[in-house]
C-alpha cells in the first residue's frame, strides 16, 4: 500500500513536522555523505558524481532554508515566527552566487559547464569546506536551534547533535 501523501496546502503542524522528519533530514544527511565521499575519493569520475550529489542536496537545502513561500514548496518560513524568520533569512545573500554555481555544475548541457565555477573564471571551487560546506552546516544548525520544539523529532535531535560534534 502506498504511503499517504502529505497535504502541504494544509500546513498543519503534524504535516510540517512529518516533512522535516522525512525530507529535510534526508537532504541534510545526503549532503554530509556526499561531502565526505567527495573528500575521500581520489577517482576523478567519482569526484564528479559526489560533487553533483553535493550540489543537488545543497541547492534543495538552501531553497528550503532561505527562499520565500512558493506554490507547493515547503520552506523554513512556515516553521519560524516572523522575527526569527527575518533574522535567519538574512543569511541568504551569501548563497546567491552559490545557487548560480550549483546550477551551472548540475546543468550538463550549458556552455558554463566547462568550469565548475562561474563561466570564464578560474577560481577554486566555491563549495570547498571553508567557503561553502561549513557555513551551510552552521546555517542548518542555526535553523535547528531556532526551530520551535513542537517540530523537533528524535531524528532532528540526532542530526543536530551530529552537527554540533563536527
C-alpha atoms as a PDB file:
ATOM      1  CA  UNK A   1       0.000   0.000   0.000  1.00  0.00           C
ATOM      2  CA  UNK A   2       1.341   3.437  -0.944  1.00  0.00           C
ATOM      3  CA  UNK A   3       2.201   5.873   1.796  1.00  0.00           C
ATOM      4  CA  UNK A   4      -0.410   8.589   2.265  1.00  0.00           C
ATOM      5  CA  UNK A   5       0.649  11.811   0.590  1.00  0.00           C
ATOM      6  CA  UNK A   6       1.197  14.760   2.904  1.00  0.00           C
ATOM      7  CA  UNK A   7      -1.180  17.628   2.204  1.00  0.00           C
ATOM      8  CA  UNK A   8       1.246  20.540   2.115  1.00  0.00           C
ATOM      9  CA  UNK A   9      -1.547  23.013   1.403  1.00  0.00           C
ATOM     10  CA  UNK A  10      -2.888  22.498   4.901  1.00  0.00           C
ATOM     11  CA  UNK A  11       0.437  23.423   6.506  1.00  0.00           C
ATOM     12  CA  UNK A  12      -0.733  21.971   9.796  1.00  0.00           C
ATOM     13  CA  UNK A  13       1.816  21.267  12.497  1.00  0.00           C
ATOM     14  CA  UNK A  14       1.881  17.497  12.102  1.00  0.00           C
ATOM     15  CA  UNK A  15       2.330  17.660   8.335  1.00  0.00           C
ATOM     16  CA  UNK A  16       5.147  20.174   8.715  1.00  0.00           C
ATOM     17  CA  UNK A  17       6.819  18.035  11.355  1.00  0.00           C
ATOM     18  CA  UNK A  18       6.486  14.941   9.147  1.00  0.00           C
ATOM     19  CA  UNK A  19       8.050  16.840   6.265  1.00  0.00           C
ATOM     20  CA  UNK A  20      11.078  17.816   8.333  1.00  0.00           C
ATOM     21  CA  UNK A  21      11.406  14.294   9.645  1.00  0.00           C
ATOM     22  CA  UNK A  22      11.284  12.645   6.244  1.00  0.00           C
ATOM     23  CA  UNK A  23      12.531  15.112   3.651  1.00  0.00           C
ATOM     24  CA  UNK A  24      14.667  17.794   5.271  1.00  0.00           C
ATOM     25  CA  UNK A  25      16.628  15.333   7.388  1.00  0.00           C
ATOM     26  CA  UNK A  26      17.186  13.199   4.286  1.00  0.00           C
ATOM     27  CA  UNK A  27      18.631  16.193   2.412  1.00  0.00           C
ATOM     28  CA  UNK A  28      20.970  17.093   5.264  1.00  0.00           C
ATOM     29  CA  UNK A  29      22.148  13.522   5.720  1.00  0.00           C
ATOM     30  CA  UNK A  30      22.840  13.121   1.994  1.00  0.00           C
ATOM     31  CA  UNK A  31      24.633  16.486   1.886  1.00  0.00           C
ATOM     32  CA  UNK A  32      27.010  15.307   4.602  1.00  0.00           C
ATOM     33  CA  UNK A  33      27.572  11.901   2.994  1.00  0.00           C
ATOM     34  CA  UNK A  34      28.201  13.479  -0.424  1.00  0.00           C
ATOM     35  CA  UNK A  35      30.737  15.885   1.023  1.00  0.00           C
ATOM     36  CA  UNK A  36      32.545  13.143   2.911  1.00  0.00           C
ATOM     37  CA  UNK A  37      32.701  10.931  -0.183  1.00  0.00           C
ATOM     38  CA  UNK A  38      33.879  13.856  -2.322  1.00  0.00           C
ATOM     39  CA  UNK A  39      36.768  14.423   0.082  1.00  0.00           C
ATOM     40  CA  UNK A  40      37.626  10.720   0.435  1.00  0.00           C
ATOM     41  CA  UNK A  41      37.709   9.593  -3.181  1.00  0.00           C
ATOM     42  CA  UNK A  42      40.695  10.032  -5.454  1.00  0.00           C
ATOM     43  CA  UNK A  43      38.883   8.791  -8.568  1.00  0.00           C
ATOM     44  CA  UNK A  44      38.028  11.706 -10.856  1.00  0.00           C
ATOM     45  CA  UNK A  45      34.714  10.233 -12.085  1.00  0.00           C
ATOM     46  CA  UNK A  46      33.595   9.594  -8.520  1.00  0.00           C
ATOM     47  CA  UNK A  47      34.534  13.156  -7.547  1.00  0.00           C
ATOM     48  CA  UNK A  48      32.197  14.401 -10.282  1.00  0.00           C
ATOM     49  CA  UNK A  49      29.381  12.151  -9.086  1.00  0.00           C
ATOM     50  CA  UNK A  50      29.743  13.204  -5.452  1.00  0.00           C
ATOM     51  CA  UNK A  51      30.095  16.866  -6.405  1.00  0.00           C
ATOM     52  CA  UNK A  52      26.804  16.672  -8.303  1.00  0.00           C
ATOM     53  CA  UNK A  53      25.149  14.942  -5.330  1.00  0.00           C
ATOM     54  CA  UNK A  54      26.514  17.598  -3.010  1.00  0.00           C
ATOM     55  CA  UNK A  55      25.232  20.354  -5.288  1.00  0.00           C
ATOM     56  CA  UNK A  56      21.738  18.895  -5.613  1.00  0.00           C
ATOM     57  CA  UNK A  57      21.291  18.429  -1.878  1.00  0.00           C
ATOM     58  CA  UNK A  58      22.843  21.822  -1.096  1.00  0.00           C
ATOM     59  CA  UNK A  59      20.502  23.561  -3.540  1.00  0.00           C
ATOM     60  CA  UNK A  60      17.478  21.827  -2.008  1.00  0.00           C
ATOM     61  CA  UNK A  61      18.567  22.842   1.484  1.00  0.00           C
ATOM     62  CA  UNK A  62      19.350  26.445   0.524  1.00  0.00           C
ATOM     63  CA  UNK A  63      15.982  26.793  -1.193  1.00  0.00           C
ATOM     64  CA  UNK A  64      14.195  25.322   1.826  1.00  0.00           C
ATOM     65  CA  UNK A  65      16.053  27.456   4.340  1.00  0.00           C
ATOM     66  CA  UNK A  66      16.104  30.809   2.585  1.00  0.00           C
ATOM     67  CA  UNK A  67      13.593  31.073  -0.232  1.00  0.00           C
ATOM     68  CA  UNK A  68      10.171  32.572   0.400  1.00  0.00           C
ATOM     69  CA  UNK A  69       6.881  30.759   0.033  1.00  0.00           C
ATOM     70  CA  UNK A  70       6.308  29.343  -3.426  1.00  0.00           C
ATOM     71  CA  UNK A  71       3.426  27.161  -4.620  1.00  0.00           C
ATOM     72  CA  UNK A  72       3.817  23.596  -3.328  1.00  0.00           C
ATOM     73  CA  UNK A  73       7.326  24.002  -1.940  1.00  0.00           C
ATOM     74  CA  UNK A  74       7.914  23.683   1.758  1.00  0.00           C
ATOM     75  CA  UNK A  75      10.068  26.407   3.256  1.00  0.00           C
ATOM     76  CA  UNK A  76      11.625  27.240   6.613  1.00  0.00           C
ATOM     77  CA  UNK A  77       9.396  30.315   6.797  1.00  0.00           C
ATOM     78  CA  UNK A  78       6.467  28.006   7.682  1.00  0.00           C
ATOM     79  CA  UNK A  79       8.228  26.881  10.864  1.00  0.00           C
ATOM     80  CA  UNK A  80       9.523  30.128  12.332  1.00  0.00           C
ATOM     81  CA  UNK A  81       7.899  33.177  13.829  1.00  0.00           C
ATOM     82  CA  UNK A  82       8.233  36.402  11.859  1.00  0.00           C
ATOM     83  CA  UNK A  83      11.150  37.792  13.863  1.00  0.00           C
ATOM     84  CA  UNK A  84      13.173  34.565  13.743  1.00  0.00           C
ATOM     85  CA  UNK A  85      12.487  34.217  10.014  1.00  0.00           C
ATOM     86  CA  UNK A  86      13.558  37.803   9.317  1.00  0.00           C
ATOM     87  CA  UNK A  87      16.820  37.392  11.250  1.00  0.00           C
ATOM     88  CA  UNK A  88      17.558  33.936   9.845  1.00  0.00           C
ATOM     89  CA  UNK A  89      16.729  34.731   6.223  1.00  0.00           C
ATOM     90  CA  UNK A  90      19.348  37.495   6.225  1.00  0.00           C
ATOM     91  CA  UNK A  91      21.882  34.675   5.798  1.00  0.00           C
ATOM     92  CA  UNK A  92      20.568  34.038   2.287  1.00  0.00           C
ATOM     93  CA  UNK A  93      22.650  36.646   0.465  1.00  0.00           C
ATOM     94  CA  UNK A  94      25.848  34.672   0.918  1.00  0.00           C
ATOM     95  CA  UNK A  95      24.287  31.872  -1.157  1.00  0.00           C
ATOM     96  CA  UNK A  96      23.191  33.912  -4.188  1.00  0.00           C
ATOM     97  CA  UNK A  97      26.378  33.159  -6.130  1.00  0.00           C
ATOM     98  CA  UNK A  98      26.380  29.586  -4.825  1.00  0.00           C
ATOM     99  CA  UNK A  99      22.998  28.865  -6.391  1.00  0.00           C
ATOM    100  CA  UNK A 100      24.287  30.104  -9.753  1.00  0.00           C
ATOM    101  CA  UNK A 101      27.423  27.969  -9.437  1.00  0.00           C
ATOM    102  CA  UNK A 102      25.424  24.938  -8.341  1.00  0.00           C
ATOM    103  CA  UNK A 103      23.013  25.292 -11.250  1.00  0.00           C
ATOM    104  CA  UNK A 104      25.923  25.580 -13.696  1.00  0.00           C
ATOM    105  CA  UNK A 105      27.531  22.485 -12.198  1.00  0.00           C
ATOM    106  CA  UNK A 106      24.485  20.224 -12.395  1.00  0.00           C
ATOM    107  CA  UNK A 107      23.168  21.544 -15.732  1.00  0.00           C
ATOM    108  CA  UNK A 108      25.228  19.427 -18.093  1.00  0.00           C
ATOM    109  CA  UNK A 109      24.108  20.965 -21.362  1.00  0.00           C
ATOM    110  CA  UNK A 110      25.240  24.543 -20.847  1.00  0.00           C
ATOM    111  CA  UNK A 111      28.219  26.486 -22.132  1.00  0.00           C
ATOM    112  CA  UNK A 112      29.056  27.221 -18.496  1.00  0.00           C
ATOM    113  CA  UNK A 113      29.583  23.535 -17.781  1.00  0.00           C
ATOM    114  CA  UNK A 114      33.260  23.557 -18.756  1.00  0.00           C
ATOM    115  CA  UNK A 115      34.223  25.097 -15.442  1.00  0.00           C
ATOM    116  CA  UNK A 116      32.598  24.222 -12.147  1.00  0.00           C
ATOM    117  CA  UNK A 117      32.625  27.855 -11.093  1.00  0.00           C
ATOM    118  CA  UNK A 118      31.279  30.897 -12.895  1.00  0.00           C
ATOM    119  CA  UNK A 119      31.753  30.910 -16.665  1.00  0.00           C
ATOM    120  CA  UNK A 120      35.181  32.063 -17.679  1.00  0.00           C
ATOM    121  CA  UNK A 121      36.539  32.442 -14.168  1.00  0.00           C
ATOM    122  CA  UNK A 122      39.231  30.131 -12.972  1.00  0.00           C
ATOM    123  CA  UNK A 123      38.960  30.045  -9.202  1.00  0.00           C
ATOM    124  CA  UNK A 124      38.785  27.276  -6.660  1.00  0.00           C
ATOM    125  CA  UNK A 125      35.521  25.503  -6.095  1.00  0.00           C
ATOM    126  CA  UNK A 126      33.304  27.740  -4.037  1.00  0.00           C
ATOM    127  CA  UNK A 127      31.826  24.819  -2.162  1.00  0.00           C
ATOM    128  CA  UNK A 128      35.080  23.685  -0.694  1.00  0.00           C
ATOM    129  CA  UNK A 129      34.713  23.167   3.029  1.00  0.00           C
ATOM    130  CA  UNK A 130      35.834  26.506   4.381  1.00  0.00           C
ATOM    131  CA  UNK A 131      33.872  28.547   1.860  1.00  0.00           C
ATOM    132  CA  UNK A 132      30.629  26.705   1.391  1.00  0.00           C
ATOM    133  CA  UNK A 133      30.022  23.432   3.189  1.00  0.00           C
ATOM    134  CA  UNK A 134      30.934  24.521   6.726  1.00  0.00           C
ATOM    135  CA  UNK A 135      28.864  27.747   6.583  1.00  0.00           C
ATOM    136  CA  UNK A 136      25.898  25.771   5.211  1.00  0.00           C
ATOM    137  CA  UNK A 137      26.172  23.292   8.077  1.00  0.00           C
ATOM    138  CA  UNK A 138      26.253  26.231  10.501  1.00  0.00           C
ATOM    139  CA  UNK A 139      23.074  27.628   8.959  1.00  0.00           C
ATOM    140  CA  UNK A 140      21.372  24.233   9.192  1.00  0.00           C
ATOM    141  CA  UNK A 141      22.369  24.050  12.840  1.00  0.00           C
ATOM    142  CA  UNK A 142      21.100  27.592  13.400  1.00  0.00           C
ATOM    143  CA  UNK A 143      17.765  26.598  11.869  1.00  0.00           C
ATOM    144  CA  UNK A 144      17.596  23.613  14.228  1.00  0.00           C
ATOM    145  CA  UNK A 145      18.456  25.930  17.153  1.00  0.00           C
ATOM    146  CA  UNK A 146      15.560  28.307  16.448  1.00  0.00           C
ATOM    147  CA  UNK A 147      13.111  25.620  15.332  1.00  0.00           C
ATOM    148  CA  UNK A 148      10.144  25.520  17.725  1.00  0.00           C
ATOM    149  CA  UNK A 149      10.182  22.419  19.911  1.00  0.00           C
ATOM    150  CA  UNK A 150       6.853  21.212  18.510  1.00  0.00           C
ATOM    151  CA  UNK A 151       8.627  20.429  15.216  1.00  0.00           C
ATOM    152  CA  UNK A 152      11.678  18.690  16.699  1.00  0.00           C
ATOM    153  CA  UNK A 153      11.691  14.931  16.256  1.00  0.00           C
ATOM    154  CA  UNK A 154      14.176  12.368  17.535  1.00  0.00           C
ATOM    155  CA  UNK A 155      15.788  12.242  14.075  1.00  0.00           C
ATOM    156  CA  UNK A 156      16.277  16.020  14.117  1.00  0.00           C
ATOM    157  CA  UNK A 157      17.780  15.848  17.611  1.00  0.00           C
ATOM    158  CA  UNK A 158      20.251  13.190  16.480  1.00  0.00           C
ATOM    159  CA  UNK A 159      21.140  15.150  13.362  1.00  0.00           C
ATOM    160  CA  UNK A 160      21.583  18.343  15.368  1.00  0.00           C
ATOM    161  CA  UNK A 161      23.855  16.506  17.827  1.00  0.00           C
ATOM    162  CA  UNK A 162      25.974  15.167  14.981  1.00  0.00           C
ATOM    163  CA  UNK A 163      26.289  18.709  13.553  1.00  0.00           C
ATOM    164  CA  UNK A 164      27.422  20.019  16.931  1.00  0.00           C
ATOM    165  CA  UNK A 165      30.199  17.408  17.051  1.00  0.00           C
ATOM    166  CA  UNK A 166      31.570  18.497  13.674  1.00  0.00           C
END
